[in-house]
Amino acid sequence: MEKFWMVYLENGNCPTFRHDSVESAAKEAERLTRQTGRRAFVLESKQAVELSELPVKWTDTDKEPTPAF
């Protein structure tokens, strides 16, 4: 996965846009600060986590033995 940057505006919504360069994110942070007067933070991706396998195992109950009554 390639590194990316996002901009968080203080007391704003969650960031959604991924910037491909720190320069692009910095420009957006400056634009937002000028527009709103609030602080903007440039966030850099450092690590990612993902599942390598499903965390649960499904069993088909139709194939389970039927108990004798």
Protein backbone atom coordinates (compact mmCIF):
# COMPACT_ATOMS: atom_id res chain seq x y z
CA MET A 1 0.00 0.00 0.00
CA GLU A 2 1.32 3.42 -0.93
CA LYS A 3 1.73 6.12 1.70
CA PHE A 4 -0.94 8.83 1.69
CA TRP A 5 -1.91 11.98 3.61
CA MET A 6 -5.22 13.37 4.82
CA VAL A 7 -6.25 16.72 6.29
CA TYR A 8 -8.21 17.03 9.52
CA LEU A 9 -9.86 20.37 10.28
CA GLU A 10 -10.09 21.02 14.03
CA ASN A 11 -13.65 20.41 15.24
CA GLY A 12 -14.57 19.29 11.73
CA ASN A 13 -15.77 16.09 10.12
CA CYS A 14 -13.59 13.03 9.57
CA PRO A 15 -11.17 13.32 6.66
CA THR A 16 -12.23 11.45 3.52
CA PHE A 17 -9.86 12.52 0.75
CA ARG A 18 -6.51 10.77 0.27
CA HIS A 19 -3.70 13.02 -0.96
CA ASP A 20 -0.88 11.38 -2.92
CA SER A 21 1.70 13.86 -1.67
CA VAL A 22 2.40 15.82 1.48
CA GLU A 23 2.54 18.99 -0.65
CA SER A 24 -1.03 18.46 -1.86
CA ALA A 25 -2.25 17.88 1.69
CA ALA A 26 -0.38 20.96 2.95
CA LYS A 27 -2.00 23.15 0.27
CA GLU A 28 -5.43 21.86 1.26
CA ALA A 29 -4.67 22.45 4.95
CA GLU A 30 -3.70 26.06 4.20
CA ARG A 31 -6.82 26.58 2.09
CA LEU A 32 -9.10 25.23 4.81
CA THR A 33 -7.40 27.32 7.52
CA ARG A 34 -7.79 30.50 5.46
CA GLN A 35 -11.42 29.65 4.69
CA THR A 36 -12.48 28.72 8.23
CA GLY A 37 -9.94 30.33 10.56
CA ARG A 38 -9.49 26.96 12.27
CA ARG A 39 -6.36 24.84 12.63
CA ALA A 40 -5.84 22.07 10.11
CA PHE A 41 -3.67 19.02 10.65
CA VAL A 42 -1.89 17.03 7.95
CA LEU A 43 -2.13 13.33 8.82
CA GLU A 44 0.32 10.79 7.38
CA SER A 45 -0.41 7.09 7.01
CA LYS A 46 2.11 5.03 8.96
CA GLN A 47 0.70 1.52 9.23
CA ALA A 48 -2.24 -0.53 8.02
CA VAL A 49 -3.88 -3.60 9.49
CA GLU A 50 -6.07 -6.11 7.70
CA LEU A 51 -7.41 -9.59 8.22
CA SER A 52 -5.46 -12.36 6.59
CA GLU A 53 -8.27 -14.86 7.09
CA LEU A 54 -11.88 -14.84 8.19
CA PRO A 55 -12.26 -14.49 11.96
CA VAL A 56 -15.18 -16.91 12.11
CA LYS A 57 -15.90 -20.39 10.82
CA TRP A 58 -19.32 -21.21 9.42
CA THR A 59 -20.73 -24.71 9.67
CA ASP A 60 -23.60 -25.99 7.53
CA THR A 61 -26.09 -27.29 10.08
CA ASP A 62 -27.79 -29.50 7.46
CA LYS A 63 -24.72 -31.71 7.48
CA GLU A 64 -24.68 -32.19 11.23
CA PRO A 65 -25.84 -35.61 12.44
CA THR A 66 -29.44 -35.65 13.62
CA PRO A 67 -29.70 -36.90 17.22
CA ALA A 68 -31.84 -40.03 17.78
CA PHE A 69 -34.84 -39.40 19.99
